[in-house]
Protein backbone atom coordinates (compact mmCIF):
# COMPACT_ATOMS: atom_id res chain seq x y z
CA UNK A 1 -48.57 13.50 -5.18
CA UNK A 2 -48.91 9.71 -5.08
CA UNK A 3 -46.07 7.26 -4.59
CA UNK A 4 -46.54 6.23 -8.24
CA UNK A 5 -45.00 9.57 -9.22
CA UNK A 6 -41.75 8.89 -7.28
CA UNK A 7 -38.58 7.68 -9.01
CA UNK A 8 -35.78 6.87 -6.56
CA UNK A 9 -32.61 5.97 -8.46
CA UNK A 10 -28.81 6.01 -8.35
CA UNK A 11 -26.16 6.50 -11.00
CA UNK A 12 -23.43 3.87 -11.04
CA UNK A 13 -20.21 4.09 -13.01
CA UNK A 14 -16.47 3.63 -13.04
CA UNK A 15 -14.48 6.73 -12.02
CA UNK A 16 -14.25 9.29 -14.85
CA UNK A 17 -17.10 7.85 -16.91
CA UNK A 18 -18.93 11.17 -16.55
CA UNK A 19 -21.29 10.55 -13.65
CA UNK A 20 -20.89 13.97 -12.01
CA UNK A 21 -21.50 15.76 -15.32
CA UNK A 22 -24.58 13.65 -16.00
CA UNK A 23 -25.87 14.35 -12.46
CA UNK A 24 -25.46 18.06 -13.13
CA UNK A 25 -27.35 17.93 -16.42
CA UNK A 26 -30.21 15.93 -14.87
CA UNK A 27 -30.47 18.50 -12.04
CA UNK A 28 -30.31 21.31 -14.59
CA UNK A 29 -33.17 19.78 -16.56
CA UNK A 30 -35.17 19.37 -13.37
CA UNK A 31 -34.54 23.00 -12.38
CA UNK A 32 -32.72 21.98 -9.18
CA UNK A 33 -29.69 24.02 -10.23
CA UNK A 34 -29.61 26.95 -12.60
CA UNK A 35 -26.08 27.09 -13.87
CA UNK A 36 -24.14 24.37 -15.63
CA UNK A 37 -20.97 23.99 -13.60
CA UNK A 38 -22.59 24.26 -10.18
CA UNK A 39 -22.05 20.55 -9.66
CA UNK A 40 -18.58 20.41 -11.13
CA UNK A 41 -16.65 23.35 -12.49
CA UNK A 42 -13.22 23.44 -14.02
CA UNK A 43 -10.66 24.62 -11.50
CA UNK A 44 -11.39 25.51 -7.92
CA UNK A 45 -14.00 28.20 -8.58
CA UNK A 46 -16.81 25.83 -7.66
CA UNK A 47 -16.88 22.38 -6.17
CA UNK A 48 -19.57 19.84 -6.82
CA UNK A 49 -22.74 20.69 -4.94
CA UNK A 50 -22.72 17.18 -3.56
CA UNK A 51 -18.98 17.18 -2.85
CA UNK A 52 -18.74 19.16 0.39
CA UNK A 53 -16.17 17.28 2.46
CA UNK A 54 -12.67 18.71 2.70
CA UNK A 55 -10.87 15.67 1.29
CA UNK A 56 -13.30 15.59 -1.65
CA UNK A 57 -12.50 19.19 -2.44
CA UNK A 58 -8.78 18.50 -2.32
CA UNK A 59 -8.92 15.42 -4.52
CA UNK A 60 -11.84 16.26 -6.79
CA UNK A 61 -13.73 13.02 -6.19
CA UNK A 62 -17.02 12.14 -4.52
CA UNK A 63 -16.51 10.09 -1.39
CA UNK A 64 -19.92 10.42 0.24
CA UNK A 65 -23.39 9.60 -1.04
CA UNK A 66 -25.67 12.58 -1.33
CA UNK A 67 -29.36 12.88 -2.06
CA UNK A 68 -30.75 15.28 -4.62
CA UNK A 69 -34.49 15.71 -5.14
CA UNK A 70 -36.02 17.49 -8.11
CA UNK A 71 -39.37 17.59 -9.90
CA UNK A 72 -40.38 17.79 -13.51
CA UNK A 73 -43.70 17.90 -15.35
CA UNK A 74 -44.36 15.57 -18.30
CA UNK A 75 -47.24 15.88 -20.76
CA UNK A 76 -48.35 12.27 -20.44
CA UNK A 77 -47.28 11.55 -16.83
CA UNK A 78 -47.94 14.79 -14.96
CA UNK A 79 -45.51 15.85 -12.20
CA UNK A 80 -42.78 13.35 -11.34
CA UNK A 81 -40.53 13.62 -8.25
CA UNK A 82 -37.00 12.29 -8.79
CA UNK A 83 -34.88 11.26 -5.81
CA UNK A 84 -31.34 10.91 -7.14
CA UNK A 85 -28.89 9.20 -4.79
CA UNK A 86 -25.39 10.16 -5.79
CA UNK A 87 -22.99 7.30 -5.12
CA UNK A 88 -19.21 7.58 -4.77
CA UNK A 89 -17.63 6.50 -8.03
CA UNK A 90 -14.10 6.01 -6.70
CA UNK A 91 -13.16 2.35 -6.62
CA UNK A 92 -12.04 2.57 -3.00
CA UNK A 93 -15.44 3.72 -1.86
CA UNK A 94 -17.47 0.65 -2.39
CA UNK A 95 -19.11 -0.03 0.97
CA UNK A 96 -21.04 3.23 1.21
CA UNK A 97 -22.01 2.80 -2.44
CA UNK A 98 -23.23 -0.76 -1.86
CA UNK A 99 -25.49 0.35 0.96
CA UNK A 100 -26.87 3.26 -1.04
CA UNK A 101 -27.93 0.79 -3.71
CA UNK A 102 -30.19 -0.93 -1.16
CA UNK A 103 -32.24 2.29 -0.97
CA UNK A 104 -33.02 2.74 -4.69
CA UNK A 105 -35.66 1.29 -7.00
CA UNK A 106 -33.59 1.58 -10.19
CA UNK A 107 -30.19 2.68 -11.47
CA UNK A 108 -28.54 4.34 -14.45
CA UNK A 109 -25.31 2.66 -15.48
CA UNK A 110 -22.93 5.13 -17.16
CA UNK A 111 -20.36 3.65 -19.54
CA UNK A 112 -17.55 5.49 -21.29
CA UNK A 113 -17.91 4.86 -25.06
CA UNK A 114 -14.14 4.41 -25.40
CA UNK A 115 -13.71 2.03 -22.45
CA UNK A 116 -16.84 -0.11 -22.21
CA UNK A 117 -17.52 -2.12 -19.05
CA UNK A 118 -14.85 -1.39 -16.44
CA UNK A 119 -14.19 -3.35 -13.19
CA UNK A 120 -15.95 -0.90 -10.87
CA UNK A 121 -19.05 -0.80 -13.08
CA UNK A 122 -19.22 -4.56 -13.05
CA UNK A 123 -18.87 -4.72 -9.26
CA UNK A 124 -21.68 -2.22 -8.74
CA UNK A 125 -23.84 -3.97 -11.32
CA UNK A 126 -23.52 -7.23 -9.37
CA UNK A 127 -24.86 -5.47 -6.25
CA UNK A 128 -27.84 -4.26 -8.29
CA UNK A 129 -28.36 -7.78 -9.61
CA UNK A 130 -28.49 -9.22 -6.07
CA UNK A 131 -31.56 -7.05 -5.48
CA UNK A 132 -32.93 -7.27 -9.07
CA UNK A 133 -32.57 -3.49 -9.42
CA UNK A 134 -33.55 -2.54 -12.99
CA UNK A 135 -30.87 -0.70 -14.97
CA UNK A 136 -30.96 1.82 -17.80
CA UNK A 137 -27.61 2.05 -19.61
CA UNK A 138 -26.22 5.40 -20.79
CA UNK A 139 -23.21 5.17 -23.11
CA UNK A 140 -21.48 8.50 -22.56
CA UNK A 141 -18.91 10.56 -24.51
CA UNK A 142 -20.06 9.48 -28.00
CA UNK A 143 -18.85 12.86 -29.31
CA UNK A 144 -15.31 11.57 -28.70
CA UNK A 145 -13.54 8.65 -30.35
CA UNK A 146 -15.07 5.46 -29.01
CA UNK A 147 -15.45 1.76 -29.66
CA UNK A 148 -17.86 0.50 -32.35
CA UNK A 149 -21.50 0.54 -31.21
CA UNK A 150 -22.09 -3.18 -31.80
CA UNK A 151 -18.95 -4.05 -29.85
CA UNK A 152 -20.20 -2.01 -26.88
CA UNK A 153 -23.70 -3.51 -27.01
CA UNK A 154 -22.33 -7.06 -27.24
CA UNK A 155 -19.95 -6.46 -24.35
CA UNK A 156 -22.80 -5.26 -22.10
CA UNK A 157 -24.87 -8.30 -23.08
CA UNK A 158 -22.02 -10.81 -22.64
CA UNK A 159 -20.23 -9.48 -19.56
CA UNK A 160 -23.38 -8.70 -17.59
CA UNK A 161 -25.55 -11.53 -18.94
CA UNK A 162 -28.30 -9.04 -19.81
CA UNK A 163 -30.52 -8.56 -22.82
CA UNK A 164 -29.75 -5.17 -24.38
CA UNK A 165 -32.29 -3.07 -26.23
CA UNK A 166 -30.83 0.03 -27.95
CA UNK A 167 -33.28 2.94 -27.92
CA UNK A 168 -30.99 5.29 -29.85
CA UNK A 169 -28.15 5.08 -32.33
CA UNK A 170 -25.19 7.49 -32.60
CA UNK A 171 -24.58 8.81 -36.10
CA UNK A 172 -20.80 8.58 -36.11
CA UNK A 173 -18.45 9.02 -33.17
CA UNK A 174 -15.62 11.39 -32.33
CA UNK A 175 -14.67 13.57 -35.31
CA UNK A 176 -17.43 12.00 -37.44
CA UNK A 177 -20.17 12.58 -34.84
CA UNK A 178 -23.27 14.02 -36.50
CA UNK A 179 -25.94 13.43 -33.89
CA UNK A 180 -28.11 10.76 -32.31
CA UNK A 181 -31.05 8.96 -33.88
CA UNK A 182 -33.97 8.39 -31.50
CA UNK A 183 -35.80 5.22 -32.60
CA UNK A 184 -39.04 6.25 -30.83
CA UNK A 185 -39.47 9.48 -32.81
CA UNK A 186 -37.31 8.76 -35.86
CA UNK A 187 -35.67 12.17 -35.38
CA UNK A 188 -31.99 13.03 -35.09
CA UNK A 189 -30.67 15.36 -32.39
CA UNK A 190 -27.90 17.32 -34.09
CA UNK A 191 -25.03 19.35 -32.61
CA UNK A 192 -25.04 23.06 -33.30
CA UNK A 193 -23.43 26.25 -32.07
CA UNK A 194 -19.74 26.99 -31.45
CA UNK A 195 -19.38 24.41 -28.66
CA UNK A 196 -21.43 21.83 -30.58
CA UNK A 197 -23.76 21.59 -27.61
CA UNK A 198 -27.25 20.26 -28.22
CA UNK A 199 -29.62 23.21 -27.85
CA UNK A 200 -32.91 21.47 -28.58
CA UNK A 201 -32.68 21.12 -32.34
CA UNK A 202 -34.16 17.85 -33.59
CA UNK A 203 -34.25 17.04 -37.28
CA UNK A 204 -37.36 14.94 -37.95
CA UNK A 205 -36.79 14.74 -41.71
CA UNK A 206 -33.15 13.74 -41.49
CA UNK A 207 -31.78 11.39 -44.09
CA UNK A 208 -29.07 9.19 -42.63
CA UNK A 209 -25.91 8.48 -44.61
CA UNK A 210 -26.36 5.00 -46.13
CA UNK A 211 -23.75 3.28 -43.95
CA UNK A 212 -25.32 4.63 -40.73
CA UNK A 213 -28.87 3.92 -41.89
CA UNK A 214 -27.91 0.28 -42.44
CA UNK A 215 -26.20 -0.01 -39.04
CA UNK A 216 -29.03 1.78 -37.24
CA UNK A 217 -31.56 -0.63 -38.75
CA UNK A 218 -29.37 -3.61 -37.92
CA UNK A 219 -29.08 -2.48 -34.29
CA UNK A 220 -32.85 -2.09 -34.06
CA UNK A 221 -33.71 -5.52 -35.45
CA UNK A 222 -30.64 -7.41 -34.19
CA UNK A 223 -31.34 -6.90 -30.47
CA UNK A 224 -34.48 -7.60 -28.40
CA UNK A 225 -37.31 -5.07 -28.41
CA UNK A 226 -37.79 -3.15 -25.20
CA UNK A 227 -39.92 -5.16 -22.76
CA UNK A 228 -41.07 -3.28 -19.65
CA UNK A 229 -41.50 -6.43 -17.56
CA UNK A 230 -38.05 -7.81 -18.49
CA UNK A 231 -36.48 -4.42 -17.68
CA UNK A 232 -38.23 -4.08 -14.31
CA UNK A 233 -37.26 -7.60 -13.28
CA UNK A 234 -33.60 -6.81 -14.03
CA UNK A 235 -33.25 -9.04 -17.13
CA UNK A 236 -33.05 -6.38 -19.86
CA UNK A 237 -31.41 -2.97 -20.10
CA UNK A 238 -32.53 -0.26 -22.53
CA UNK A 239 -29.44 1.50 -23.92
CA UNK A 240 -29.23 5.24 -24.57
CA UNK A 241 -26.32 7.06 -26.18
CA UNK A 242 -25.18 10.60 -25.59
CA UNK A 243 -22.74 13.12 -24.24
CA UNK A 244 -23.48 14.44 -20.75
CA UNK A 245 -20.98 17.25 -21.31
CA UNK A 246 -22.66 18.42 -24.53
CA UNK A 247 -26.17 17.68 -23.18
CA UNK A 248 -26.90 15.01 -25.79
CA UNK A 249 -29.29 12.18 -24.92
CA UNK A 250 -30.01 13.61 -21.44
CA UNK A 251 -33.61 14.60 -22.25
CA UNK A 252 -34.34 11.12 -23.58
CA UNK A 253 -32.71 9.59 -20.50
CA UNK A 254 -34.78 11.58 -18.00
CA UNK A 255 -37.93 10.77 -20.00
CA UNK A 256 -37.03 7.07 -19.87
CA UNK A 257 -36.61 7.17 -16.08
CA UNK A 258 -40.00 8.88 -15.74
CA UNK A 259 -41.73 6.52 -18.16
CA UNK A 260 -40.13 3.13 -17.43
CA UNK A 261 -38.31 3.15 -14.08
CA UNK A 262 -40.46 1.56 -11.36
CA UNK A 263 -42.22 3.58 -8.68
CA UNK A 264 -41.33 2.59 -5.08
CA UNK A 265 -40.94 -1.18 -4.81
CA UNK A 266 -41.78 -3.46 -1.87
CA UNK A 267 -38.81 -3.92 0.47
CA UNK A 268 -37.69 -7.16 2.18
CA UNK A 269 -38.37 -7.56 5.91
CA UNK A 270 -37.48 -11.14 6.77
CA UNK A 271 -39.92 -13.45 4.98
CA UNK A 272 -42.34 -10.71 3.96
CA UNK A 273 -42.09 -7.77 1.58
CA UNK A 274 -43.47 -4.45 2.81
CA UNK A 275 -45.64 -2.77 0.17
CA UNK A 276 -45.44 1.00 -0.35
CA UNK A 277 -49.25 0.95 -0.07
CA UNK A 278 -49.12 -0.13 3.58
CA UNK A 279 -50.71 2.51 5.87
CA UNK A 280 -48.05 2.32 8.58
CA UNK A 281 -45.06 4.62 8.14
CA UNK A 282 -41.94 2.46 7.83
CA UNK A 283 -38.41 3.05 6.60
CA UNK A 284 -34.77 2.11 7.11
CA UNK A 285 -31.54 4.03 7.68
CA UNK A 286 -29.05 3.34 4.89
CA UNK A 287 -26.56 6.09 5.69
CA UNK A 288 -25.51 8.32 8.58
CA UNK A 289 -23.50 11.45 7.89
CA UNK A 290 -21.88 13.42 10.70
CA UNK A 291 -20.77 17.02 10.53
CA UNK A 292 -22.45 18.00 7.26
CA UNK A 293 -22.40 21.46 8.78
CA UNK A 294 -19.09 21.74 10.72
CA UNK A 295 -20.45 24.78 12.62
CA UNK A 296 -23.16 22.71 14.25
CA UNK A 297 -21.49 19.27 14.35
CA UNK A 298 -24.79 17.84 13.25
CA UNK A 299 -25.54 14.23 12.43
CA UNK A 300 -28.04 13.31 9.76
CA UNK A 301 -29.49 9.82 9.33
CA UNK A 302 -30.79 9.18 5.81
CA UNK A 303 -34.02 7.18 5.86
CA UNK A 304 -35.49 5.51 2.80
CA UNK A 305 -39.25 5.66 3.40
CA UNK A 306 -40.84 2.35 2.48
CA UNK A 307 -44.53 2.89 3.23
CA UNK A 308 -47.16 5.23 4.64
CA UNK A 309 -47.48 9.02 4.65
CA UNK A 310 -44.98 10.60 7.02
CA UNK A 311 -46.03 13.79 8.81
CA UNK A 312 -43.61 16.12 10.55
CA UNK A 313 -43.56 15.66 14.33
CA UNK A 314 -44.84 12.07 14.26
CA UNK A 315 -43.24 9.44 16.49
CA UNK A 316 -41.36 6.49 15.03
CA UNK A 317 -39.54 3.72 16.87
CA UNK A 318 -35.99 2.86 15.73
CA UNK A 319 -35.32 -0.90 16.02
CA UNK A 320 -31.92 -0.20 17.62
CA UNK A 321 -33.45 1.94 20.37
CA UNK A 322 -36.77 0.23 21.10
CA UNK A 323 -38.51 3.42 22.24
CA UNK A 324 -40.27 6.01 20.07
CA UNK A 325 -38.65 9.28 19.05
CA UNK A 326 -40.48 12.34 17.73
CA UNK A 327 -39.15 13.58 14.40
CA UNK A 328 -39.53 17.35 14.55
CA UNK A 329 -37.13 18.57 11.83
CA UNK A 330 -37.10 16.05 8.98
CA UNK A 331 -35.13 17.29 5.96
CA UNK A 332 -35.62 16.95 2.22
CA UNK A 333 -32.57 17.66 0.05
CA UNK A 334 -32.60 19.80 -3.08
CA UNK A 335 -29.03 19.58 -4.36
CA UNK A 336 -27.07 21.14 -1.46
CA UNK A 337 -30.07 23.05 -0.16
CA UNK A 338 -32.24 21.62 2.59
CA UNK A 339 -35.89 22.10 3.36
CA UNK A 340 -37.91 21.01 6.37
CA UNK A 341 -40.29 18.30 5.18
CA UNK A 342 -43.88 18.57 6.40
CA UNK A 343 -44.86 15.32 4.69
CA UNK A 344 -43.11 12.55 2.78
CA UNK A 345 -44.27 9.48 0.87
CA UNK A 346 -42.90 6.00 0.11
CA UNK A 347 -39.79 6.30 -2.05
CA UNK A 348 -38.69 9.60 -0.52
CA UNK A 349 -35.38 10.03 1.30
CA UNK A 350 -35.67 11.95 4.56
CA UNK A 351 -32.78 13.32 6.56
CA UNK A 352 -33.32 12.95 10.32
CA UNK A 353 -31.06 15.08 12.57
CA UNK A 354 -30.07 13.14 15.70
CA UNK A 355 -27.32 12.77 18.30
CA UNK A 356 -26.15 9.25 17.59
CA UNK A 357 -29.43 7.45 18.34
CA UNK A 358 -29.90 6.29 14.73
CA UNK A 359 -27.53 3.87 13.03
CA UNK A 360 -27.11 2.35 9.59
CA UNK A 361 -29.44 -0.65 9.33
CA UNK A 362 -32.03 0.63 11.82
CA UNK A 363 -35.68 0.11 10.88
CA UNK A 364 -38.06 2.94 11.81
CA UNK A 365 -41.76 2.21 12.15
CA UNK A 366 -44.87 3.21 14.06
CA UNK A 367 -45.45 -0.20 15.67
CA UNK A 368 -41.88 -1.60 15.93
CA UNK A 369 -43.10 -5.01 14.68
CA UNK A 370 -40.89 -5.46 11.61
CA UNK A 371 -37.22 -5.34 10.59
CA UNK A 372 -35.98 -4.54 7.10
CA UNK A 373 -33.20 -6.85 5.99
CA UNK A 374 -30.48 -6.80 3.40
CA UNK A 375 -28.23 -3.91 4.47
CA UNK A 376 -24.79 -5.47 4.37
CA UNK A 377 -21.50 -4.93 6.16
CA UNK A 378 -18.60 -6.28 4.13
CA UNK A 379 -15.50 -8.00 5.46
CA UNK A 380 -12.73 -5.38 5.45
CA UNK A 381 -9.94 -5.88 2.94
CA UNK A 382 -7.49 -3.62 4.82
CA UNK A 383 -6.95 -3.65 8.60
CA UNK A 384 -4.90 -1.09 10.52
CA UNK A 385 -4.10 -0.33 14.16
CA UNK A 386 -4.81 3.23 15.30
CA UNK A 387 -2.04 4.98 17.24
CA UNK A 388 -2.81 8.23 19.06
CA UNK A 389 -0.19 10.97 18.88
CA UNK A 390 -1.54 12.41 22.15
CA UNK A 391 -2.41 9.57 24.59
CA UNK A 392 -4.65 11.90 26.66
CA UNK A 393 -7.19 11.93 23.80
CA UNK A 394 -8.25 8.28 24.16
CA UNK A 395 -11.88 9.23 24.89
CA UNK A 396 -12.12 11.57 21.91
CA UNK A 397 -10.65 8.86 19.67
CA UNK A 398 -13.18 6.29 20.88
CA UNK A 399 -16.04 8.74 20.25
CA UNK A 400 -14.73 9.61 16.77
CA UNK A 401 -14.27 5.96 15.77
CA UNK A 402 -17.77 5.15 17.02
CA UNK A 403 -19.20 8.06 15.01
CA UNK A 404 -17.35 7.13 11.84
CA UNK A 405 -18.23 3.46 12.13
CA UNK A 406 -21.90 4.43 12.52
CA UNK A 407 -21.58 6.31 9.24
CA UNK A 408 -20.06 3.25 7.59
CA UNK A 409 -16.80 5.06 6.76
CA UNK A 410 -14.88 2.42 8.74
CA UNK A 411 -15.50 -0.65 10.85
CA UNK A 412 -14.03 -0.79 14.35
CA UNK A 413 -12.85 -3.96 16.05
CA UNK A 414 -11.94 -4.25 19.72
CA UNK A 415 -9.39 -7.08 20.16
CA UNK A 416 -9.94 -9.49 23.06
CA UNK A 417 -6.20 -9.20 23.79
CA UNK A 418 -4.37 -5.88 23.43
CA UNK A 419 -5.56 -2.32 23.83
CA UNK A 420 -5.17 -0.77 20.37
CA UNK A 421 -8.35 -0.40 18.32
CA UNK A 422 -8.27 -1.95 14.86
CA UNK A 423 -10.06 -0.26 11.97
CA UNK A 424 -11.14 -2.12 8.90
CA UNK A 425 -11.98 -0.65 5.48
CA UNK A 426 -12.92 -1.93 2.05
CA UNK A 427 -10.59 0.48 0.21
CA UNK A 428 -7.42 2.49 0.84
CA UNK A 429 -9.06 5.88 0.34
CA UNK A 430 -11.24 5.34 3.41
CA UNK A 431 -8.08 5.38 5.55
CA UNK A 432 -7.16 8.81 4.17
CA UNK A 433 -10.68 10.03 4.89
CA UNK A 434 -10.42 8.63 8.44
CA UNK A 435 -7.17 10.48 9.26
CA UNK A 436 -8.40 13.68 7.57
CA UNK A 437 -11.72 13.70 9.44
CA UNK A 438 -10.17 12.75 12.82
CA UNK A 439 -8.01 15.84 12.51
CA UNK A 440 -10.49 18.28 10.92
CA UNK A 441 -13.66 17.37 12.82
CA UNK A 442 -12.51 15.82 16.10
CA UNK A 443 -9.11 17.54 16.61
CA UNK A 444 -7.55 14.11 17.14
CA UNK A 445 -4.15 13.51 15.55
CA UNK A 446 -3.58 9.81 14.90
CA UNK A 447 -1.46 7.54 12.76
CA UNK A 448 -2.19 4.13 11.30
CA UNK A 449 0.10 1.14 11.73
CA UNK A 450 0.12 -2.23 10.09
CA UNK A 451 -2.04 -4.79 11.87
CA UNK A 452 -1.01 -8.46 11.88
CA UNK A 453 -4.29 -9.38 10.15
CA UNK A 454 -5.33 -9.51 6.50
CA UNK A 455 -9.10 -9.85 6.78
CA UNK A 456 -11.96 -10.55 9.18
CA UNK A 457 -14.92 -12.94 9.36
CA UNK A 458 -18.03 -12.85 11.51
CA UNK A 459 -18.32 -16.13 13.42
CA UNK A 460 -21.67 -17.72 14.25
CA UNK A 461 -22.79 -21.07 15.57
CA UNK A 462 -23.98 -22.90 18.70
CA UNK A 463 -22.84 -21.12 21.88
CA UNK A 464 -21.00 -24.17 23.22
CA UNK A 465 -18.88 -24.41 20.05
CA UNK A 466 -18.29 -20.65 20.02
CA UNK A 467 -16.99 -20.78 23.61
CA UNK A 468 -14.67 -23.62 22.67
CA UNK A 469 -13.44 -21.77 19.56
CA UNK A 470 -12.88 -18.64 21.65
CA UNK A 471 -10.77 -20.40 24.27
CA UNK A 472 -8.35 -21.68 21.58
CA UNK A 473 -8.14 -18.53 19.43
CA UNK A 474 -8.34 -15.58 21.80
CA UNK A 475 -5.32 -13.82 20.25
CA UNK A 476 -7.14 -13.75 16.90
CA UNK A 477 -10.55 -12.64 18.13
CA UNK A 478 -12.24 -9.28 18.45
CA UNK A 479 -15.72 -7.87 18.94
CA UNK A 480 -17.26 -5.42 16.52
CA UNK A 481 -19.16 -2.38 17.76
CA UNK A 482 -22.33 -4.48 18.12
CA UNK A 483 -20.50 -6.95 20.34
CA UNK A 484 -20.53 -9.70 17.66
CA UNK A 485 -17.62 -12.12 17.53
CA UNK A 486 -15.10 -11.56 14.74
CA UNK A 487 -12.24 -13.83 13.69
CA UNK A 488 -9.22 -11.77 12.63
CA UNK A 489 -7.40 -13.80 10.01
CA UNK A 490 -3.73 -13.45 9.09
CA UNK A 491 -4.44 -14.70 5.55
CA UNK A 492 -7.23 -16.21 3.41
CA UNK A 493 -5.56 -19.59 4.06
CA UNK A 494 -6.15 -19.00 7.77
CA UNK A 495 -9.89 -18.60 7.12
CA UNK A 496 -10.02 -21.81 5.08
CA UNK A 497 -8.13 -23.71 7.77
CA UNK A 498 -10.55 -22.61 10.51
CA UNK A 499 -13.58 -23.39 8.35
CA UNK A 500 -12.25 -26.90 7.79
CA UNK A 501 -11.43 -27.36 11.45
CA UNK A 502 -14.79 -26.00 12.68
CA UNK A 503 -17.41 -27.26 10.20
CA UNK A 504 -20.32 -26.39 12.51
CA UNK A 505 -19.37 -22.71 12.72
CA UNK A 506 -19.98 -20.21 9.91
CA UNK A 507 -17.29 -17.70 8.96
CA UNK A 508 -19.13 -15.01 7.06
CA UNK A 509 -17.64 -12.27 4.86
CA UNK A 510 -20.81 -10.18 5.13
CA UNK A 511 -23.05 -9.26 8.00
CA UNK A 512 -26.57 -8.05 7.41
CA UNK A 513 -27.84 -5.41 9.79
């Protein structure tokens, strides 16, 4: 199967917009799962197939990014392989989500029909925009009471500065919901059966009520026509309507991803872009997950393959290590199931078991002559000191913090003065995950205490000026786990003051790996 048949995409949304349900229905349509409810069931009978961590099970939210691969045959396209990267929707879990978005070629933006664009959706959209990731919009829950269609379309256009091109039109919403008109076929998908779930019935000879016919026509002519080039360059979003729960609009959505979403795109490596057609096998690590199987305390690095045909057992050199490693047991993910991958192509996501040799941001290649760029670390918004309950476990704590910082769950800072490690996170929930995983996976009981700092900035500049800056500000300085200098600021004002005082140094809120 060629790389042109790969679609590597993520679903982005605000919490509760219906992302997990949509993921389930897409997997169901692709045959990756066989029972609706295997991803998310009511009650505790089943947990989401991608939600395996203890804290996720307790709180019913996704806090890790998982990979789900499935295939589907299309009459006009042949077999298409979908690599769906599931991103945490909870607003506190932004950093892992941001990095996952560097590994996709397109995204589906899920919007709740009653709520429109919410803050988290907008934040994630901006990350996609930075990389010109094309977006298909899915307005979910149209079978419930929602906002007027034109209001939703205009909000997407205005708030996100995007052209919108509706591909469908809901016939009524909530109690008046009668189905969805598909502009491409002119047919209406109608609800039927006791649960009003869509079971494949499309009415091609439907006559729309006059009011809806007028609005549907207005929506079609009042917004730009779909333009593949504008969509793929990130300037236009086709809009689909549906109900993930009732399985409305999902077929059209999966067909749109297959038909319009780009195959693997070139990836930035400094000044050049590496084409998927390049013969050399290259890729980058965008996520590391420890202890996916608590019995084996394994560690999986997720590699987005950028080019070449990977063969099991081949040797690749990680940029962080500098010497080649043989990859004997590469994994492909099918929902929660794993398979050993004999081969993989550009666009695929491979899991590489390792013992801490691979880190987020590492480039893997056959020749070790290039470095992929653009995988960000973000300045933490919350900083805490870590206090051990049992001081004899200092080594275990250091190991655990190193592991978790490699995964991107936390950042660790080692102050130049004082012995207590400081952890930094983007959102509060990460602190709960930290304490939960220290206890469950590393048998380390710890507490978090307030740190005297509000944020951190990476400091760069000429060595002479850095030395000078260091000698005056030692109490406010730390090194991150790469040994880079970090200014620990007591307040945003503090950052501004230092920037003004040291104009030849840069105080950066992000650090690219």
